């Protein structure tokens, strides 16, 4: 299973999450040792984090 890394690799000072892949430092560190089920769970969580971030960036009517 591939990595969610997008080669941005910069941590947001407020959230502590990577601005590219939305993983925490701990999630980045442990990703390779996770089993496939844990990786799939993390991918689901990353999609939620990305969607939440995009929601806060979009202009409000």
PDB file of N, CA and C in Angstrom:
ATOM      1  N   UNK A   1       0.854  -1.168   0.000  1.00  0.00           N
ATOM      2  CA  UNK A   1       0.000   0.000   0.000  1.00  0.00           C
ATOM      3  C   UNK A   1       0.900   1.232   0.000  1.00  0.00           C
ATOM      4  N   UNK A   2       0.580   2.198  -0.856  1.00  0.00           N
ATOM      5  CA  UNK A   2       1.388   3.401  -0.977  1.00  0.00           C
ATOM      6  C   UNK A   2       1.195   4.372   0.170  1.00  0.00           C
ATOM      7  N   UNK A   3       2.099   5.304   0.231  1.00  0.00           N
ATOM      8  CA  UNK A   3       2.073   6.343   1.258  1.00  0.00           C
ATOM      9  C   UNK A   3       1.183   7.504   0.813  1.00  0.00           C
ATOM     10  N   UNK A   4       0.541   8.191   1.760  1.00  0.00           N
ATOM     11  CA  UNK A   4      -0.250   9.366   1.420  1.00  0.00           C
ATOM     12  C   UNK A   4       0.615  10.614   1.229  1.00  0.00           C
ATOM     13  N   UNK A   5       1.929  10.496   1.355  1.00  0.00           N
ATOM     14  CA  UNK A   5       2.828  11.634   1.239  1.00  0.00           C
ATOM     15  C   UNK A   5       2.669  12.315  -0.124  1.00  0.00           C
ATOM     16  N   UNK A   6       2.628  13.655  -0.096  1.00  0.00           N
ATOM     17  CA  UNK A   6       2.512  14.438  -1.331  1.00  0.00           C
ATOM     18  C   UNK A   6       3.770  15.267  -1.586  1.00  0.00           C
ATOM     19  N   UNK A   7       4.838  14.993  -0.854  1.00  0.00           N
ATOM     20  CA  UNK A   7       6.119  15.692  -0.968  1.00  0.00           C
ATOM     21  C   UNK A   7       6.039  17.176  -0.611  1.00  0.00           C
ATOM     22  N   UNK A   8       5.048  17.563   0.186  1.00  0.00           N
ATOM     23  CA  UNK A   8       4.980  18.932   0.689  1.00  0.00           C
ATOM     24  C   UNK A   8       5.775  19.003   1.992  1.00  0.00           C
ATOM     25  N   UNK A   9       5.530  18.096   2.903  1.00  0.00           N
ATOM     26  CA  UNK A   9       6.336  17.884   4.109  1.00  0.00           C
ATOM     27  C   UNK A   9       6.604  19.147   4.927  1.00  0.00           C
ATOM     28  N   UNK A  10       5.538  19.847   5.276  1.00  0.00           N
ATOM     29  CA  UNK A  10       5.650  21.013   6.146  1.00  0.00           C
ATOM     30  C   UNK A  10       4.522  20.933   7.160  1.00  0.00           C
ATOM     31  N   UNK A  11       4.866  21.014   8.448  1.00  0.00           N
ATOM     32  CA  UNK A  11       3.866  20.900   9.500  1.00  0.00           C
ATOM     33  C   UNK A  11       3.213  22.248   9.780  1.00  0.00           C
ATOM     34  N   UNK A  12       1.909  22.231   9.899  1.00  0.00           N
ATOM     35  CA  UNK A  12       1.134  23.410  10.278  1.00  0.00           C
ATOM     36  C   UNK A  12       1.399  23.694  11.752  1.00  0.00           C
ATOM     37  N   UNK A  13       1.761  24.917  12.065  1.00  0.00           N
ATOM     38  CA  UNK A  13       2.094  25.277  13.446  1.00  0.00           C
ATOM     39  C   UNK A  13       0.894  25.150  14.383  1.00  0.00           C
ATOM     40  N   UNK A  14      -0.301  25.443  13.884  1.00  0.00           N
ATOM     41  CA  UNK A  14      -1.495  25.400  14.735  1.00  0.00           C
ATOM     42  C   UNK A  14      -1.986  23.984  14.989  1.00  0.00           C
ATOM     43  N   UNK A  15      -2.058  23.167  13.941  1.00  0.00           N
ATOM     44  CA  UNK A  15      -2.639  21.832  14.079  1.00  0.00           C
ATOM     45  C   UNK A  15      -1.610  20.736  14.308  1.00  0.00           C
ATOM     46  N   UNK A  16      -0.379  20.974  13.894  1.00  0.00           N
ATOM     47  CA  UNK A  16       0.646  19.940  13.993  1.00  0.00           C
ATOM     48  C   UNK A  16       0.546  18.913  12.880  1.00  0.00           C
ATOM     49  N   UNK A  17      -0.329  19.161  11.898  1.00  0.00           N
ATOM     50  CA  UNK A  17      -0.517  18.229  10.788  1.00  0.00           C
ATOM     51  C   UNK A  17       0.280  18.690   9.579  1.00  0.00           C
ATOM     52  N   UNK A  18       0.733  17.736   8.784  1.00  0.00           N
ATOM     53  CA  UNK A  18       1.424  18.048   7.546  1.00  0.00           C
ATOM     54  C   UNK A  18       0.463  18.775   6.607  1.00  0.00           C
ATOM     55  N   UNK A  19       0.937  19.849   5.978  1.00  0.00           N
ATOM     56  CA  UNK A  19       0.098  20.622   5.059  1.00  0.00           C
ATOM     57  C   UNK A  19      -0.155  19.874   3.750  1.00  0.00           C
ATOM     58  N   UNK A  20       0.622  18.844   3.466  1.00  0.00           N
ATOM     59  CA  UNK A  20       0.443  18.076   2.236  1.00  0.00           C
ATOM     60  C   UNK A  20      -0.454  16.864   2.405  1.00  0.00           C
ATOM     61  N   UNK A  21      -0.155  16.037   3.394  1.00  0.00           N
ATOM     62  CA  UNK A  21      -0.879  14.770   3.543  1.00  0.00           C
ATOM     63  C   UNK A  21      -1.823  14.735   4.746  1.00  0.00           C
ATOM     64  N   UNK A  22      -1.749  15.748   5.609  1.00  0.00           N
ATOM     65  CA  UNK A  22      -2.626  15.878   6.784  1.00  0.00           C
ATOM     66  C   UNK A  22      -2.360  14.846   7.877  1.00  0.00           C
ATOM     67  N   UNK A  23      -1.175  14.232   7.845  1.00  0.00           N
ATOM     68  CA  UNK A  23      -0.809  13.320   8.933  1.00  0.00           C
ATOM     69  C   UNK A  23      -0.100  14.081  10.039  1.00  0.00           C
ATOM     70  N   UNK A  24      -0.216  13.547  11.252  1.00  0.00           N
ATOM     71  CA  UNK A  24       0.547  14.083  12.380  1.00  0.00           C
ATOM     72  C   UNK A  24       1.973  13.544  12.294  1.00  0.00           C
ATOM     73  N   UNK A  25       2.845  14.141  13.070  1.00  0.00           N
ATOM     74  CA  UNK A  25       4.238  13.673  13.114  1.00  0.00           C
ATOM     75  C   UNK A  25       4.291  12.191  13.507  1.00  0.00           C
ATOM     76  N   UNK A  26       3.472  11.804  14.490  1.00  0.00           N
ATOM     77  CA  UNK A  26       3.440  10.410  14.952  1.00  0.00           C
ATOM     78  C   UNK A  26       2.928   9.480  13.848  1.00  0.00           C
ATOM     79  N   UNK A  27       1.907   9.902  13.119  1.00  0.00           N
ATOM     80  CA  UNK A  27       1.370   9.082  12.021  1.00  0.00           C
ATOM     81  C   UNK A  27       2.394   8.925  10.905  1.00  0.00           C
ATOM     82  N   UNK A  28       3.147   9.972  10.632  1.00  0.00           N
ATOM     83  CA  UNK A  28       4.202   9.890   9.618  1.00  0.00           C
ATOM     84  C   UNK A  28       5.262   8.895  10.072  1.00  0.00           C
ATOM     85  N   UNK A  29       5.634   8.993  11.331  1.00  0.00           N
ATOM     86  CA  UNK A  29       6.697   8.149  11.890  1.00  0.00           C
ATOM     87  C   UNK A  29       6.314   6.668  11.899  1.00  0.00           C
ATOM     88  N   UNK A  30       5.049   6.368  12.175  1.00  0.00           N
ATOM     89  CA  UNK A  30       4.642   4.966  12.341  1.00  0.00           C
ATOM     90  C   UNK A  30       3.987   4.354  11.100  1.00  0.00           C
ATOM     91  N   UNK A  31       3.827   5.122  10.032  1.00  0.00           N
ATOM     92  CA  UNK A  31       3.077   4.641   8.880  1.00  0.00           C
ATOM     93  C   UNK A  31       3.609   3.318   8.328  1.00  0.00           C
ATOM     94  N   UNK A  32       4.902   3.217   8.155  1.00  0.00           N
ATOM     95  CA  UNK A  32       5.485   1.999   7.561  1.00  0.00           C
ATOM     96  C   UNK A  32       5.219   0.742   8.388  1.00  0.00           C
ATOM     97  N   UNK A  33       5.083   0.895   9.689  1.00  0.00           N
ATOM     98  CA  UNK A  33       4.885  -0.278  10.542  1.00  0.00           C
ATOM     99  C   UNK A  33       3.404  -0.622  10.735  1.00  0.00           C
ATOM    100  N   UNK A  34       2.495   0.205  10.226  1.00  0.00           N
ATOM    101  CA  UNK A  34       1.058  -0.077  10.351  1.00  0.00           C
ATOM    102  C   UNK A  34       0.664  -1.237   9.449  1.00  0.00           C
ATOM    103  N   UNK A  35      -0.309  -2.030   9.907  1.00  0.00           N
ATOM    104  CA  UNK A  35      -0.845  -3.060   9.021  1.00  0.00           C
ATOM    105  C   UNK A  35      -1.822  -2.392   8.038  1.00  0.00           C
ATOM    106  N   UNK A  36      -2.238  -3.143   7.019  1.00  0.00           N
ATOM    107  CA  UNK A  36      -3.084  -2.568   5.971  1.00  0.00           C
ATOM    108  C   UNK A  36      -4.403  -2.016   6.498  1.00  0.00           C
ATOM    109  N   UNK A  37      -4.995  -2.688   7.478  1.00  0.00           N
ATOM    110  CA  UNK A  37      -6.262  -2.212   8.042  1.00  0.00           C
ATOM    111  C   UNK A  37      -6.079  -0.851   8.717  1.00  0.00           C
ATOM    112  N   UNK A  38      -4.993  -0.695   9.456  1.00  0.00           N
ATOM    113  CA  UNK A  38      -4.714   0.580  10.118  1.00  0.00           C
ATOM    114  C   UNK A  38      -4.434   1.675   9.088  1.00  0.00           C
ATOM    115  N   UNK A  39      -3.731   1.322   8.020  1.00  0.00           N
ATOM    116  CA  UNK A  39      -3.462   2.296   6.959  1.00  0.00           C
ATOM    117  C   UNK A  39      -4.760   2.746   6.287  1.00  0.00           C
ATOM    118  N   UNK A  40      -5.656   1.803   6.029  1.00  0.00           N
ATOM    119  CA  UNK A  40      -6.945   2.165   5.415  1.00  0.00           C
ATOM    120  C   UNK A  40      -7.747   3.074   6.339  1.00  0.00           C
ATOM    121  N   UNK A  41      -7.736   2.785   7.626  1.00  0.00           N
ATOM    122  CA  UNK A  41      -8.414   3.653   8.596  1.00  0.00           C
ATOM    123  C   UNK A  41      -7.806   5.050   8.579  1.00  0.00           C
ATOM    124  N   UNK A  42      -6.482   5.107   8.513  1.00  0.00           N
ATOM    125  CA  UNK A  42      -5.806   6.399   8.484  1.00  0.00           C
ATOM    126  C   UNK A  42      -6.159   7.158   7.199  1.00  0.00           C
ATOM    127  N   UNK A  43      -6.167   6.479   6.060  1.00  0.00           N
ATOM    128  CA  UNK A  43      -6.541   7.128   4.803  1.00  0.00           C
ATOM    129  C   UNK A  43      -7.940   7.736   4.905  1.00  0.00           C
ATOM    130  N   UNK A  44      -8.875   7.024   5.510  1.00  0.00           N
ATOM    131  CA  UNK A  44     -10.229   7.571   5.711  1.00  0.00           C
ATOM    132  C   UNK A  44     -10.177   8.839   6.559  1.00  0.00           C
ATOM    133  N   UNK A  45      -9.392   8.808   7.618  1.00  0.00           N
ATOM    134  CA  UNK A  45      -9.257   9.970   8.497  1.00  0.00           C
ATOM    135  C   UNK A  45      -8.611  11.145   7.754  1.00  0.00           C
ATOM    136  N   UNK A  46      -7.616  10.852   6.928  1.00  0.00           N
ATOM    137  CA  UNK A  46      -6.945  11.918   6.175  1.00  0.00           C
ATOM    138  C   UNK A  46      -7.897  12.593   5.196  1.00  0.00           C
ATOM    139  N   UNK A  47      -8.763  11.818   4.582  1.00  0.00           N
ATOM    140  CA  UNK A  47      -9.770  12.405   3.681  1.00  0.00           C
ATOM    141  C   UNK A  47     -10.694  13.348   4.443  1.00  0.00           C
ATOM    142  N   UNK A  48     -11.075  12.961   5.643  1.00  0.00           N
ATOM    143  CA  UNK A  48     -11.922  13.824   6.475  1.00  0.00           C
ATOM    144  C   UNK A  48     -11.194  15.109   6.856  1.00  0.00           C
ATOM    145  N   UNK A  49      -9.930  14.978   7.216  1.00  0.00           N
ATOM    146  CA  UNK A  49      -9.144  16.158   7.583  1.00  0.00           C
ATOM    147  C   UNK A  49      -8.997  17.112   6.402  1.00  0.00           C
ATOM    148  N   UNK A  50      -8.724  16.547   5.220  1.00  0.00           N
ATOM    149  CA  UNK A  50      -8.583  17.368   4.017  1.00  0.00           C
ATOM    150  C   UNK A  50      -9.895  18.092   3.708  1.00  0.00           C
ATOM    151  N   UNK A  51     -11.009  17.385   3.795  1.00  0.00           N
ATOM    152  CA  UNK A  51     -12.318  17.982   3.525  1.00  0.00           C
ATOM    153  C   UNK A  51     -12.617  19.101   4.522  1.00  0.00           C
ATOM    154  N   UNK A  52     -12.297  18.889   5.783  1.00  0.00           N
ATOM    155  CA  UNK A  52     -12.528  19.906   6.802  1.00  0.00           C
ATOM    156  C   UNK A  52     -11.674  21.141   6.519  1.00  0.00           C
ATOM    157  N   UNK A  53     -10.439  20.940   6.120  1.00  0.00           N
ATOM    158  CA  UNK A  53      -9.543  22.056   5.809  1.00  0.00           C
ATOM    159  C   UNK A  53     -10.065  22.836   4.603  1.00  0.00           C
ATOM    160  N   UNK A  54     -10.524  22.123   3.572  1.00  0.00           N
ATOM    161  CA  UNK A  54     -11.040  22.780   2.379  1.00  0.00           C
ATOM    162  C   UNK A  54     -12.321  23.552   2.693  1.00  0.00           C
ATOM    163  N   UNK A  55     -13.121  23.046   3.606  1.00  0.00           N
ATOM    164  CA  UNK A  55     -14.352  23.712   4.012  1.00  0.00           C
ATOM    165  C   UNK A  55     -14.037  25.052   4.681  1.00  0.00           C
ATOM    166  N   UNK A  56     -12.989  25.087   5.473  1.00  0.00           N
ATOM    167  CA  UNK A  56     -12.637  26.332   6.157  1.00  0.00           C
ATOM    168  C   UNK A  56     -12.017  27.347   5.208  1.00  0.00           C
ATOM    169  N   UNK A  57     -11.471  26.874   4.067  1.00  0.00           N
ATOM    170  CA  UNK A  57     -10.870  27.783   3.104  1.00  0.00           C
ATOM    171  C   UNK A  57     -11.898  28.363   2.125  1.00  0.00           C
ATOM    172  N   UNK A  58     -12.996  27.654   1.877  1.00  0.00           N
ATOM    173  CA  UNK A  58     -13.941  28.102   0.864  1.00  0.00           C
ATOM    174  C   UNK A  58     -14.710  29.338   1.354  1.00  0.00           C
ATOM    175  N   UNK A  59     -14.977  30.279   0.429  1.00  0.00           N
ATOM    176  CA  UNK A  59     -15.700  31.497   0.823  1.00  0.00           C
ATOM    177  C   UNK A  59     -17.130  31.171   1.241  1.00  0.00           C
ATOM    178  N   UNK A  60     -17.585  31.893   2.221  1.00  0.00           N
ATOM    179  CA  UNK A  60     -18.941  31.661   2.732  1.00  0.00           C
ATOM    180  C   UNK A  60     -19.874  32.682   2.119  1.00  0.00           C
ATOM    181  N   UNK A  61     -21.080  32.235   1.796  1.00  0.00           N
ATOM    182  CA  UNK A  61     -22.074  33.105   1.186  1.00  0.00           C
ATOM    183  C   UNK A  61     -22.917  33.788   2.217  1.00  0.00           C
TER     184      UNK A  61
END
